[in-house]
């Protein structure tokens, strides 16, 4: 099934074009956004020759933007620690009615509005790094003060790199960041742990990582394609009195994986709140 073409209300300015910004940019071009309507600002652009050749304008500073430019969307993909310095330049776009879509962790709508002069339309979202291969998961804050058509457009822009979901309370974005934003790191750690466990059991060093990596990525693809729940998929691997069952007993014990994951997600969520408070 062909994805719907994205139609912009005006030029799009992408502020920051690292791995996440680059993934989004290529996703937009694949969904029909005209390259001539996209302006990228990044002080040290890298690996953008392909999009520049297609007509995307690559700049290294805000001052290089055309003076008459009136963007419809400004997507903020810079690191949170650079927001204080960068945002004031964009106030004139806020005054002209541009929509600001942020993918930065920890920076609240109130903070962004304050830095942009108070008049800006701001939408927060949280993607994750599998966006780089078109398999990202992004959650968007549904602000009741923002028109439904604007929210829909932001959803289209972010769905160019994977699936999207919605939340209605801004504080929930801290849990989203903990679960899906940081989630890829937990999965990669699982690969490391499986490989080390294999090594502890005496398997050849060169085989351990391959076993772990292919098992996790293959299982993820199976979960993606299957209509069955994760529970049913897990149970399908387990045989009564079998080897997998013995491992699952350990992982599902009262002091097993679930309480450890609960503790980890709580720690990350709390840290998100601290960042939002400037701590």
Protein backbone atom coordinates (compact mmCIF):
# COMPACT_ATOMS: atom_id res chain seq x y z
CA UNK A 1 0.00 0.00 0.00
CA UNK A 2 1.40 3.40 -1.03
CA UNK A 3 1.81 5.95 1.74
CA UNK A 4 -0.13 9.20 1.34
CA UNK A 5 1.83 12.15 0.01
CA UNK A 6 2.68 14.82 2.59
CA UNK A 7 1.42 18.27 1.62
CA UNK A 8 3.05 21.15 3.49
CA UNK A 9 1.40 24.51 4.25
CA UNK A 10 4.68 26.25 3.39
CA UNK A 11 8.44 25.68 3.49
CA UNK A 12 9.84 23.39 6.17
CA UNK A 13 12.88 24.34 8.24
CA UNK A 14 14.73 21.44 9.89
CA UNK A 15 16.88 22.69 12.76
CA UNK A 16 19.54 20.05 13.38
CA UNK A 17 20.21 17.17 11.03
CA UNK A 18 21.94 14.39 12.89
CA UNK A 19 20.84 10.78 12.62
CA UNK A 20 17.25 11.46 13.65
CA UNK A 21 16.90 14.62 11.59
CA UNK A 22 18.47 12.90 8.59
CA UNK A 23 16.12 9.94 8.89
CA UNK A 24 13.11 12.26 9.02
CA UNK A 25 14.36 14.30 6.07
CA UNK A 26 14.77 11.26 3.84
CA UNK A 27 11.39 9.96 4.97
CA UNK A 28 9.72 13.24 3.96
CA UNK A 29 11.33 13.23 0.54
CA UNK A 30 10.15 9.65 0.04
CA UNK A 31 6.63 10.79 0.91
CA UNK A 32 6.58 13.50 -1.73
CA UNK A 33 7.76 16.62 0.11
CA UNK A 34 9.46 18.78 -2.55
CA UNK A 35 13.18 19.08 -1.83
CA UNK A 36 13.11 22.77 -2.81
CA UNK A 37 10.74 23.45 0.12
CA UNK A 38 13.10 22.05 2.77
CA UNK A 39 15.80 24.12 4.48
CA UNK A 40 18.25 22.38 6.83
CA UNK A 41 20.26 24.30 9.42
CA UNK A 42 23.12 22.40 11.02
CA UNK A 43 26.47 23.92 12.10
CA UNK A 44 28.34 20.78 11.01
CA UNK A 45 26.26 18.93 8.38
CA UNK A 46 27.42 15.41 7.58
CA UNK A 47 26.39 12.75 5.04
CA UNK A 48 23.80 15.00 3.37
CA UNK A 49 25.23 15.01 -0.14
CA UNK A 50 22.37 12.83 -1.42
CA UNK A 51 19.60 15.16 -0.22
CA UNK A 52 21.52 18.26 -1.26
CA UNK A 53 21.83 16.81 -4.76
CA UNK A 54 18.04 16.45 -4.83
CA UNK A 55 17.56 20.14 -4.09
CA UNK A 56 17.39 20.43 -0.29
CA UNK A 57 19.02 23.65 0.92
CA UNK A 58 21.75 22.93 3.49
CA UNK A 59 22.85 25.86 5.67
CA UNK A 60 25.12 26.14 8.70
CA UNK A 61 23.49 29.11 10.45
CA UNK A 62 20.09 30.76 10.87
CA UNK A 63 21.38 33.99 9.33
CA UNK A 64 21.84 32.21 6.00
CA UNK A 65 18.10 31.62 5.56
CA UNK A 66 16.40 33.81 2.95
CA UNK A 67 15.11 36.96 4.65
CA UNK A 68 11.69 36.61 3.03
CA UNK A 69 11.25 32.96 4.05
CA UNK A 70 7.99 32.18 5.89
CA UNK A 71 8.04 28.51 6.88
CA UNK A 72 4.89 26.60 7.69
CA UNK A 73 6.74 24.08 9.88
CA UNK A 74 9.93 24.37 11.94
CA UNK A 75 11.08 21.01 13.25
CA UNK A 76 13.44 21.21 16.22
CA UNK A 77 15.87 18.30 16.11
CA UNK A 78 18.76 19.84 18.05
CA UNK A 79 20.05 18.60 21.38
CA UNK A 80 18.24 20.08 24.42
CA UNK A 81 21.39 21.80 25.72
CA UNK A 82 21.56 23.96 22.58
CA UNK A 83 17.96 25.22 22.77
CA UNK A 84 18.65 28.30 24.90
CA UNK A 85 21.07 29.69 22.35
CA UNK A 86 19.24 28.64 19.19
CA UNK A 87 15.55 29.35 19.77
CA UNK A 88 15.43 33.17 20.06
CA UNK A 89 16.45 33.48 16.39
CA UNK A 90 13.23 31.74 15.38
CA UNK A 91 10.82 34.09 17.13
CA UNK A 92 9.96 35.91 13.93
CA UNK A 93 8.75 32.63 12.43
CA UNK A 94 6.56 32.07 15.50
CA UNK A 95 5.11 35.56 15.12
CA UNK A 96 4.34 34.78 11.46
CA UNK A 97 2.36 31.65 12.40
CA UNK A 98 4.85 28.82 11.88
CA UNK A 99 4.19 25.56 13.73
CA UNK A 100 7.10 24.32 15.86
CA UNK A 101 7.41 20.55 16.14
CA UNK A 102 9.97 19.44 18.75
CA UNK A 103 11.57 16.02 19.13
CA UNK A 104 13.81 17.14 22.01
CA UNK A 105 13.66 15.33 25.35
CA UNK A 106 13.00 17.30 28.52
CA UNK A 107 12.03 20.63 26.94
CA UNK A 108 8.40 21.39 27.80
CA UNK A 109 5.83 23.21 25.71
CA UNK A 110 5.95 26.10 28.22
CA UNK A 111 9.74 26.33 27.91
CA UNK A 112 9.63 26.30 24.11
CA UNK A 113 6.87 28.91 23.98
CA UNK A 114 8.81 31.15 26.36
CA UNK A 115 11.97 30.98 24.25
CA UNK A 116 9.97 31.63 21.08
CA UNK A 117 8.25 34.71 22.42
CA UNK A 118 5.04 33.26 23.81
CA UNK A 119 3.01 33.22 20.58
CA UNK A 120 4.31 30.02 19.04
CA UNK A 121 2.24 26.96 18.24
CA UNK A 122 4.35 24.16 19.74
CA UNK A 123 3.90 20.39 19.49
CA UNK A 124 6.11 17.95 21.40
CA UNK A 125 6.96 14.47 20.29
CA UNK A 126 9.39 11.69 21.14
CA UNK A 127 10.81 9.41 18.41
CA UNK A 128 13.41 6.68 18.73
CA UNK A 129 16.49 5.64 16.79
CA UNK A 130 14.98 2.78 14.72
CA UNK A 131 13.62 5.68 12.66
CA UNK A 132 16.96 5.40 10.86
CA UNK A 133 15.68 2.21 9.18
CA UNK A 134 12.05 3.29 8.85
CA UNK A 135 10.97 1.31 11.92
CA UNK A 136 10.75 4.09 14.49
CA UNK A 137 8.11 4.63 17.13
CA UNK A 138 7.10 8.23 17.80
CA UNK A 139 4.59 9.49 20.35
CA UNK A 140 3.03 12.93 19.93
CA UNK A 141 1.40 15.17 22.53
CA UNK A 142 -2.15 15.96 21.45
CA UNK A 143 -2.63 19.56 22.60
CA UNK A 144 -6.35 20.48 22.57
CA UNK A 145 -5.38 24.08 21.78
CA UNK A 146 -3.79 23.02 18.48
CA UNK A 147 -6.07 22.57 15.44
CA UNK A 148 -6.74 18.97 14.46
CA UNK A 149 -5.43 19.59 10.94
CA UNK A 150 -2.10 20.79 12.35
CA UNK A 151 -1.80 17.74 14.60
CA UNK A 152 -2.62 15.51 11.65
CA UNK A 153 0.13 17.11 9.56
CA UNK A 154 2.67 16.58 12.36
CA UNK A 155 1.54 12.97 12.56
CA UNK A 156 2.15 12.57 8.83
CA UNK A 157 5.63 14.06 9.10
CA UNK A 158 6.61 11.75 11.95
CA UNK A 159 4.98 8.64 10.48
CA UNK A 160 7.40 8.97 7.55
CA UNK A 161 9.91 7.01 9.67
CA UNK A 162 7.65 4.48 11.40
CA UNK A 163 4.63 4.15 13.64
CA UNK A 164 3.08 6.92 15.73
CA UNK A 165 1.00 7.10 18.90
CA UNK A 166 -0.66 9.91 20.88
CA UNK A 167 -0.79 11.07 24.48
CA UNK A 168 -3.01 13.73 26.07
CA UNK A 169 -0.91 14.75 29.09
CA UNK A 170 2.53 16.29 28.72
CA UNK A 171 3.97 14.59 31.80
CA UNK A 172 3.35 11.22 30.10
CA UNK A 173 6.09 12.02 27.60
CA UNK A 174 8.66 11.26 30.31
CA UNK A 175 7.42 7.67 30.50
CA UNK A 176 7.34 7.49 26.71
CA UNK A 177 10.95 8.65 26.63
CA UNK A 178 11.86 6.00 29.19
CA UNK A 179 10.11 3.15 27.35
CA UNK A 180 10.46 3.76 23.62
CA UNK A 181 12.97 6.61 23.47
CA UNK A 182 15.50 4.68 25.52
CA UNK A 183 14.09 1.25 24.64
CA UNK A 184 16.54 0.48 21.83
CA UNK A 185 19.41 0.74 24.35
CA UNK A 186 17.74 -1.86 26.56
CA UNK A 187 17.33 -4.21 23.59
CA UNK A 188 20.96 -3.74 22.60
CA UNK A 189 21.94 -4.51 26.20
CA UNK A 190 19.88 -7.70 25.97
CA UNK A 191 21.95 -8.69 22.94
CA UNK A 192 25.13 -8.06 24.94
CA UNK A 193 23.85 -10.08 27.90
CA UNK A 194 22.76 -13.02 25.74
CA UNK A 195 26.16 -13.04 24.04
CA UNK A 196 27.95 -13.00 27.38
CA UNK A 197 25.74 -15.81 28.75
CA UNK A 198 26.57 -17.85 25.66
CA UNK A 199 30.26 -17.22 26.27
CA UNK A 200 29.87 -18.32 29.90
CA UNK A 201 28.40 -21.61 28.62
CA UNK A 202 31.55 -22.24 26.60
CA UNK A 203 30.36 -21.42 23.09
CA UNK A 204 32.96 -20.11 20.61
CA UNK A 205 33.57 -16.38 20.98
CA UNK A 206 32.79 -15.57 17.34
CA UNK A 207 29.47 -17.42 17.51
CA UNK A 208 28.14 -15.83 20.72
CA UNK A 209 27.35 -12.36 19.35
CA UNK A 210 25.91 -13.75 16.13
CA UNK A 211 23.58 -16.03 18.07
CA UNK A 212 22.43 -13.19 20.31
CA UNK A 213 22.08 -10.55 17.60
CA UNK A 214 20.20 -12.70 15.09
CA UNK A 215 17.95 -14.15 17.77
CA UNK A 216 16.87 -10.73 19.05
CA UNK A 217 16.45 -9.10 15.64
CA UNK A 218 14.67 -12.13 14.23
CA UNK A 219 12.32 -12.28 17.20
CA UNK A 220 11.60 -8.58 16.81
CA UNK A 221 10.68 -9.06 13.16
CA UNK A 222 8.45 -12.00 14.08
CA UNK A 223 6.67 -9.87 16.67
CA UNK A 224 6.29 -7.10 14.07
CA UNK A 225 4.73 -9.37 11.47
CA UNK A 226 2.59 -11.52 13.75
CA UNK A 227 -0.95 -10.66 14.83
CA UNK A 228 -0.47 -12.66 18.04
CA UNK A 229 0.35 -11.07 21.39
CA UNK A 230 3.84 -11.14 22.85
CA UNK A 231 2.54 -13.56 25.48
CA UNK A 232 1.29 -16.02 22.87
CA UNK A 233 4.53 -15.76 20.92
CA UNK A 234 6.52 -16.44 24.09
CA UNK A 235 4.34 -19.41 25.02
CA UNK A 236 4.77 -20.86 21.53
CA UNK A 237 8.52 -21.23 22.21
CA UNK A 238 8.00 -22.99 25.55
CA UNK A 239 7.43 -26.73 25.83
CA UNK A 240 6.20 -28.40 29.03
CA UNK A 241 9.22 -29.61 31.00
CA UNK A 242 11.48 -28.11 28.32
CA UNK A 243 14.65 -26.05 28.47
CA UNK A 244 13.05 -22.67 27.66
CA UNK A 245 10.57 -23.09 30.51
CA UNK A 246 13.44 -23.40 32.99
CA UNK A 247 14.94 -20.13 31.79
CA UNK A 248 11.55 -18.38 31.83
CA UNK A 249 11.01 -19.48 35.44
CA UNK A 250 14.14 -17.55 36.37
CA UNK A 251 13.24 -14.49 34.31
CA UNK A 252 9.64 -14.39 35.61
CA UNK A 253 10.52 -14.98 39.27
CA UNK A 254 9.50 -12.32 41.83
CA UNK A 255 13.03 -10.91 41.62
CA UNK A 256 13.32 -11.51 37.88
CA UNK A 257 13.10 -9.35 34.79
CA UNK A 258 9.79 -7.52 35.39
CA UNK A 259 10.67 -5.81 38.69
CA UNK A 260 14.09 -4.93 37.29
CA UNK A 261 12.51 -3.39 34.19
CA UNK A 262 9.97 -1.54 36.34
CA UNK A 263 12.82 -0.05 38.36
CA UNK A 264 14.76 0.92 35.23
CA UNK A 265 11.79 2.63 33.55
CA UNK A 266 10.91 4.46 36.77
CA UNK A 267 14.49 5.76 37.04
CA UNK A 268 14.46 7.00 33.46
CA UNK A 269 11.02 8.58 33.86
CA UNK A 270 12.10 10.42 37.01
CA UNK A 271 15.21 11.67 35.26
CA UNK A 272 13.01 13.02 32.46
CA UNK A 273 11.05 15.04 35.01
CA UNK A 274 14.29 16.37 36.50
CA UNK A 275 15.52 17.50 33.08
CA UNK A 276 12.19 19.26 32.45
CA UNK A 277 12.67 21.09 35.76
CA UNK A 278 16.18 22.16 34.78
CA UNK A 279 18.00 19.83 37.17
